[in-house]
Amino acid sequence: MEVSVEGQDRSYFVRLPYEKQPAPEKKYPLIIQLHGGGGNAEYAESISQMTGIANERGYIVAYPDGSGPRISRALKTWNAGQCCGKSMRDNVDDVAFLTGFIDHLIANYPVDPNRIYLCGFSNGGMMTYRAARTLAPRLAAIAVVSGAMFGEETIPESPLPVMIIHGTADDTVPFEGGESEMDVVQNNMKGEFASVQFAATFWARNNGCGLTYRSVSLPEGPTFQKWTFPCPARSPVTVLALVDEGHAWPGGTSGRRNGPKPTTKLSASRVILDFFDQNRN
């Protein structure tokens, strides 16, 4: 399907919940899933394996394309400010696109406007952070897998539940921040990535949380750590730090040929949906 927002024509597709006889006036929570750099909407669905899990739980999932060369269905990116690729160089206003895209989805699908969630992988995670700073009042929560901030962002001062999932051995978007070890990434961005701890502390400060987190091992594995900040009840900030895991969507499929294999010990999509289930406007 196609949508035009602010002069931008984009492709997208929507997956509806599995219900044989939905009530005529029923509204459903919505997840907008953003693909990584160099991918597209189909790529986002494939690597995350989000659709089946979300639809079974009664969620609508929308997969939009970023922008890129018209000659290819792939090679799409999001302008997250300092990354990535053509969308960054052309200064594409992806925040305006996502704002209008939400309006389009509410107008055309049975979306519950109090339960709109945004999540993304890699460059899509970076875009999730950037868009959330503007869209926080409209979002019920966000989740970022293997994404990053850049260290110069201003606090939006609108509380927003945040989940971050990141492998400590990520060589594409380093857990500790700095330059990517991948030339294709470093050549398609400006500056350096901020660390996972920066992003977590940024949102903890925004949400009025204490800035000292507690770390415990996850039942899926002793090297998987869950950080929780002391936050107001409706504004949690949670990090899953996956020791020795790389740039991949846990429980999904690899994002590139010969790329790191995702762990099968944990499903990021299930964990994210558990988080979304607990948070609504």
Protein backbone atom coordinates (compact mmCIF):
# COMPACT_ATOMS: atom_id res chain seq x y z
CA MET A 1 0.00 0.00 0.00
CA GLU A 2 1.04 3.61 -0.50
CA VAL A 3 0.71 6.67 1.70
CA SER A 4 1.62 10.29 0.94
CA VAL A 5 2.68 12.47 3.88
CA GLU A 6 4.22 15.93 3.61
CA GLY A 7 4.93 15.29 -0.07
CA GLN A 8 6.60 11.97 0.69
CA ASP A 9 5.23 8.86 -1.04
CA ARG A 10 6.01 5.73 0.93
CA SER A 11 5.08 2.07 0.81
CA TYR A 12 3.83 0.20 3.85
CA PHE A 13 1.80 -2.83 4.83
CA VAL A 14 -0.38 -3.70 7.80
CA ARG A 15 -1.01 -7.01 9.57
CA LEU A 16 -4.33 -7.26 11.42
CA PRO A 17 -5.08 -9.38 14.50
CA TYR A 18 -6.29 -12.95 14.20
CA GLU A 19 -9.99 -12.66 14.98
CA LYS A 20 -12.67 -14.53 13.06
CA GLN A 21 -15.51 -12.24 14.14
CA PRO A 22 -14.15 -8.96 15.54
CA ALA A 23 -16.67 -6.62 17.14
CA PRO A 24 -17.62 -3.85 14.66
CA GLU A 25 -16.48 -1.01 16.90
CA LYS A 26 -13.51 -2.72 18.53
CA LYS A 27 -10.22 -0.82 18.60
CA TYR A 28 -6.83 -2.51 18.69
CA PRO A 29 -3.38 -1.51 19.95
CA LEU A 30 -0.95 -0.59 17.17
CA ILE A 31 2.76 -1.30 16.79
CA ILE A 32 4.72 0.64 14.16
CA GLN A 33 7.87 -1.37 13.39
CA LEU A 34 10.83 0.41 11.75
CA HIS A 35 13.39 -1.50 9.69
CA GLY A 36 17.15 -1.19 9.89
CA GLY A 37 19.35 0.75 7.48
CA GLY A 38 19.56 -0.73 4.00
CA GLY A 39 16.39 -2.74 4.54
CA ASN A 40 12.69 -2.19 4.02
CA ALA A 41 9.31 -3.03 5.54
CA GLU A 42 9.50 -6.71 4.54
CA TYR A 43 12.93 -6.92 6.14
CA ALA A 44 11.55 -5.55 9.42
CA GLU A 45 8.86 -8.23 9.51
CA SER A 46 11.27 -11.00 8.57
CA ILE A 47 14.03 -10.35 11.08
CA SER A 48 11.76 -9.55 14.03
CA GLN A 49 9.19 -12.32 13.55
CA MET A 50 6.86 -9.83 15.23
CA THR A 51 3.69 -10.37 13.21
CA GLY A 52 2.54 -13.76 14.46
CA ILE A 53 3.21 -13.00 18.12
CA ALA A 54 1.58 -9.57 17.96
CA ASN A 55 -1.47 -10.65 15.97
CA GLU A 56 -2.15 -13.51 18.40
CA ARG A 57 -2.20 -10.96 21.22
CA GLY A 58 -4.61 -8.69 19.40
CA TYR A 59 -2.20 -6.07 18.04
CA ILE A 60 -2.18 -4.41 14.65
CA VAL A 61 1.37 -4.17 13.25
CA ALA A 62 2.28 -1.58 10.61
CA TYR A 63 5.55 -1.80 8.66
CA PRO A 64 6.49 1.38 6.76
CA ASP A 65 9.40 1.95 4.40
CA GLY A 66 12.03 4.57 4.98
CA SER A 67 13.29 6.51 1.96
CA GLY A 68 15.88 5.57 -0.64
CA PRO A 69 16.56 5.06 -4.32
CA ARG A 70 13.41 4.42 -6.35
CA ILE A 71 15.16 1.74 -8.38
CA SER A 72 15.29 -0.62 -5.39
CA ARG A 73 12.73 -1.97 -2.93
CA ALA A 74 15.57 -2.33 -0.46
CA LEU A 75 18.31 0.13 0.54
CA LYS A 76 15.89 2.25 2.60
CA THR A 77 17.04 4.33 5.56
CA TRP A 78 15.64 6.67 8.20
CA ASN A 79 16.97 10.14 8.99
CA ALA A 80 17.73 9.74 12.68
CA GLY A 81 19.69 13.00 12.74
CA GLN A 82 23.28 11.79 12.46
CA CYS A 83 22.49 8.53 10.64
CA CYS A 84 21.86 7.11 8.09
CA GLY A 85 22.64 7.22 4.38
CA LYS A 86 20.65 9.07 1.75
CA SER A 87 17.79 10.01 4.11
CA MET A 88 20.29 11.75 6.40
CA ARG A 89 22.13 13.46 3.56
CA ASP A 90 18.84 14.67 2.03
CA ASN A 91 17.59 15.75 5.48
CA VAL A 92 14.34 13.82 5.02
CA ASP A 93 11.79 14.80 7.68
CA ASP A 94 10.95 11.33 8.95
CA VAL A 95 9.46 12.72 12.17
CA ALA A 96 6.84 14.52 10.07
CA PHE A 97 6.31 11.34 8.05
CA LEU A 98 5.70 9.21 11.15
CA THR A 99 3.39 11.86 12.62
CA GLY A 100 1.26 11.81 9.47
CA PHE A 101 1.54 8.03 9.19
CA ILE A 102 -0.01 7.63 12.64
CA ASP A 103 -2.86 9.92 11.60
CA HIS A 104 -3.33 7.86 8.42
CA LEU A 105 -3.46 4.58 10.33
CA ILE A 106 -5.97 5.90 12.87
CA ALA A 107 -8.18 7.15 10.03
CA ASN A 108 -8.06 3.90 8.04
CA TYR A 109 -7.73 1.07 10.57
CA PRO A 110 -9.41 0.21 13.91
CA VAL A 111 -6.56 1.67 15.98
CA ASP A 112 -6.86 2.46 19.69
CA PRO A 113 -5.26 5.95 19.86
CA ASN A 114 -4.34 5.36 23.51
CA ARG A 115 -2.22 2.34 22.67
CA ILE A 116 0.21 3.31 19.91
CA TYR A 117 3.69 1.82 20.18
CA LEU A 118 6.86 2.50 18.20
CA CYS A 119 9.82 0.16 17.91
CA GLY A 120 12.72 -0.43 15.60
CA PHE A 121 15.98 -2.21 14.87
CA SER A 122 19.36 -0.55 14.31
CA ASN A 123 18.75 2.60 12.18
CA GLY A 124 15.03 2.02 12.86
CA GLY A 125 15.83 2.05 16.57
CA MET A 126 17.71 5.33 16.15
CA MET A 127 14.65 6.72 14.36
CA THR A 128 12.44 5.46 17.18
CA TYR A 129 14.47 7.50 19.66
CA ARG A 130 14.34 10.60 17.48
CA ALA A 131 10.62 10.41 16.70
CA ALA A 132 9.75 9.65 20.33
CA ARG A 133 11.18 12.96 21.45
CA THR A 134 8.41 14.68 19.45
CA LEU A 135 5.70 12.02 19.56
CA ALA A 136 6.02 11.02 23.23
CA PRO A 137 2.58 12.46 24.20
CA ARG A 138 0.95 10.24 21.53
CA LEU A 139 2.88 7.05 22.28
CA ALA A 140 2.16 4.48 24.97
CA ALA A 141 5.74 3.09 24.92
CA ILE A 142 8.76 2.52 22.69
CA ALA A 143 11.26 -0.31 22.26
CA VAL A 144 14.68 -0.17 20.60
CA VAL A 145 16.78 -3.15 19.54
CA SER A 146 20.44 -2.48 18.67
CA GLY A 147 19.83 1.25 18.12
CA ALA A 148 21.55 4.30 19.55
CA MET A 149 21.29 7.98 20.35
CA PHE A 150 24.05 10.49 19.58
CA GLY A 151 24.59 12.40 22.81
CA GLU A 152 23.29 15.84 21.83
CA GLU A 153 19.53 15.28 22.18
CA THR A 154 17.33 17.55 24.29
CA ILE A 155 15.00 16.09 26.91
CA PRO A 156 11.36 16.08 25.68
CA GLU A 157 9.97 16.30 29.25
CA SER A 158 7.03 14.04 28.41
CA PRO A 159 7.21 10.70 30.28
CA LEU A 160 7.40 7.63 28.07
CA PRO A 161 7.97 3.95 28.94
CA VAL A 162 11.15 2.74 27.23
CA MET A 163 12.66 -0.71 26.65
CA ILE A 164 16.17 -1.10 25.22
CA ILE A 165 17.63 -4.44 24.03
CA HIS A 166 21.28 -4.52 22.94
CA GLY A 167 24.11 -7.03 22.64
CA THR A 168 27.36 -6.10 24.34
CA ALA A 169 29.38 -7.58 21.42
CA ASP A 170 27.59 -5.47 18.80
CA ASP A 171 30.24 -4.34 16.28
CA THR A 172 27.81 -2.31 14.16
CA VAL A 173 26.26 -0.09 16.83
CA PRO A 174 28.63 -0.52 19.79
CA PHE A 175 27.07 -1.05 23.22
CA GLU A 176 29.60 1.37 24.74
CA GLY A 177 29.16 3.93 21.95
CA GLY A 178 31.80 5.40 19.67
CA GLU A 179 32.51 4.58 16.03
CA SER A 180 31.02 1.60 14.26
CA GLU A 181 33.45 -1.13 13.24
CA MET A 182 31.48 -1.45 9.99
CA ASP A 183 32.80 0.88 7.27
CA VAL A 184 29.43 0.97 5.52
CA VAL A 185 27.86 2.38 8.69
CA GLN A 186 30.64 4.83 9.52
CA ASN A 187 30.58 6.15 5.94
CA ASN A 188 26.84 6.77 6.13
CA MET A 189 26.62 8.71 9.37
CA LYS A 190 28.03 11.76 11.12
CA GLY A 191 30.00 11.68 14.34
CA GLU A 192 29.71 8.77 16.77
CA PHE A 193 27.09 6.77 18.63
CA ALA A 194 26.30 7.42 22.28
CA SER A 195 26.33 4.43 24.61
CA VAL A 196 23.40 2.32 25.74
CA GLN A 197 23.90 3.73 29.22
CA PHE A 198 23.56 7.27 27.83
CA ALA A 199 20.26 6.39 26.15
CA ALA A 200 18.91 4.65 29.24
CA THR A 201 19.92 7.51 31.54
CA PHE A 202 18.50 10.07 29.09
CA TRP A 203 15.04 8.48 29.26
CA ALA A 204 15.31 7.81 32.99
CA ARG A 205 15.99 11.50 33.56
CA ASN A 206 13.12 12.42 31.22
CA ASN A 207 10.75 10.12 33.12
CA GLY A 208 11.67 11.43 36.58
CA CYS A 209 13.45 8.21 37.57
CA GLY A 210 16.42 7.76 39.84
CA LEU A 211 19.57 7.48 37.74
CA THR A 212 21.15 4.48 39.51
CA TYR A 213 19.89 1.25 38.00
CA ARG A 214 19.64 -2.23 39.48
CA SER A 215 21.01 -5.13 37.42
CA VAL A 216 19.85 -8.75 37.73
CA SER A 217 20.39 -11.85 35.61
CA LEU A 218 17.56 -12.97 33.35
CA PRO A 219 16.21 -16.53 33.65
CA GLU A 220 17.06 -17.07 29.96
CA GLY A 221 20.76 -16.95 30.78
CA PRO A 222 23.09 -15.73 33.55
CA THR A 223 24.98 -13.49 31.13
CA PHE A 224 21.79 -11.67 30.12
CA GLN A 225 21.33 -8.68 32.40
CA LYS A 226 18.17 -6.68 33.07
CA TRP A 227 18.67 -3.10 34.21
CA THR A 228 15.77 -1.39 35.94
CA PHE A 229 15.68 2.21 37.11
CA PRO A 230 13.62 3.42 40.08
CA CYS A 231 10.88 5.12 38.07
CA PRO A 232 7.33 6.32 38.56
CA ALA A 233 4.93 3.40 38.10
CA ARG A 234 3.71 4.46 34.65
CA SER A 235 7.10 5.51 33.24
CA PRO A 236 9.50 2.54 33.42
CA VAL A 237 12.90 2.38 31.73
CA THR A 238 14.28 -1.13 31.20
CA VAL A 239 17.46 -2.35 29.50
CA LEU A 240 18.26 -5.92 28.49
CA ALA A 241 22.06 -6.08 28.13
CA LEU A 242 22.84 -9.33 26.32
CA VAL A 243 26.45 -10.23 27.04
CA ASP A 244 28.40 -11.54 24.03
CA GLU A 245 25.47 -11.05 21.62
CA GLY A 246 25.95 -9.10 18.38
CA HIS A 247 23.97 -6.89 16.02
CA ALA A 248 20.82 -8.98 15.66
CA TRP A 249 17.17 -9.21 16.73
CA PRO A 250 17.09 -11.85 19.51
CA GLY A 251 14.80 -14.72 18.63
CA GLY A 252 14.49 -13.51 15.03
CA THR A 253 16.55 -14.01 11.88
CA SER A 254 19.87 -12.55 10.80
CA GLY A 255 19.69 -9.07 9.30
CA ARG A 256 22.34 -9.67 6.64
CA ARG A 257 24.09 -12.49 4.82
CA ASN A 258 26.81 -13.94 7.04
CA GLY A 259 25.67 -11.56 9.79
CA PRO A 260 25.61 -12.52 13.47
CA LYS A 261 23.09 -15.20 14.32
CA PRO A 262 20.47 -14.06 16.82
CA THR A 263 20.32 -15.86 20.13
CA THR A 264 17.50 -18.37 20.47
CA LYS A 265 17.48 -18.09 24.26
CA LEU A 266 15.32 -14.96 24.23
CA SER A 267 12.65 -13.56 21.89
CA ALA A 268 12.91 -9.78 21.70
CA SER A 269 9.43 -9.63 20.14
CA ARG A 270 7.85 -11.51 23.05
CA VAL A 271 9.71 -9.44 25.63
CA ILE A 272 8.71 -6.22 23.87
CA LEU A 273 5.06 -7.29 23.71
CA ASP A 274 5.12 -8.15 27.42
CA PHE A 275 6.38 -4.60 28.02
CA PHE A 276 3.78 -3.05 25.72
CA ASP A 277 1.01 -5.09 27.37
CA GLN A 278 1.86 -3.40 30.66
CA ASN A 279 1.98 0.18 29.36
CA ARG A 280 -0.75 2.32 27.85
CA ASN A 281 -1.73 5.99 27.84
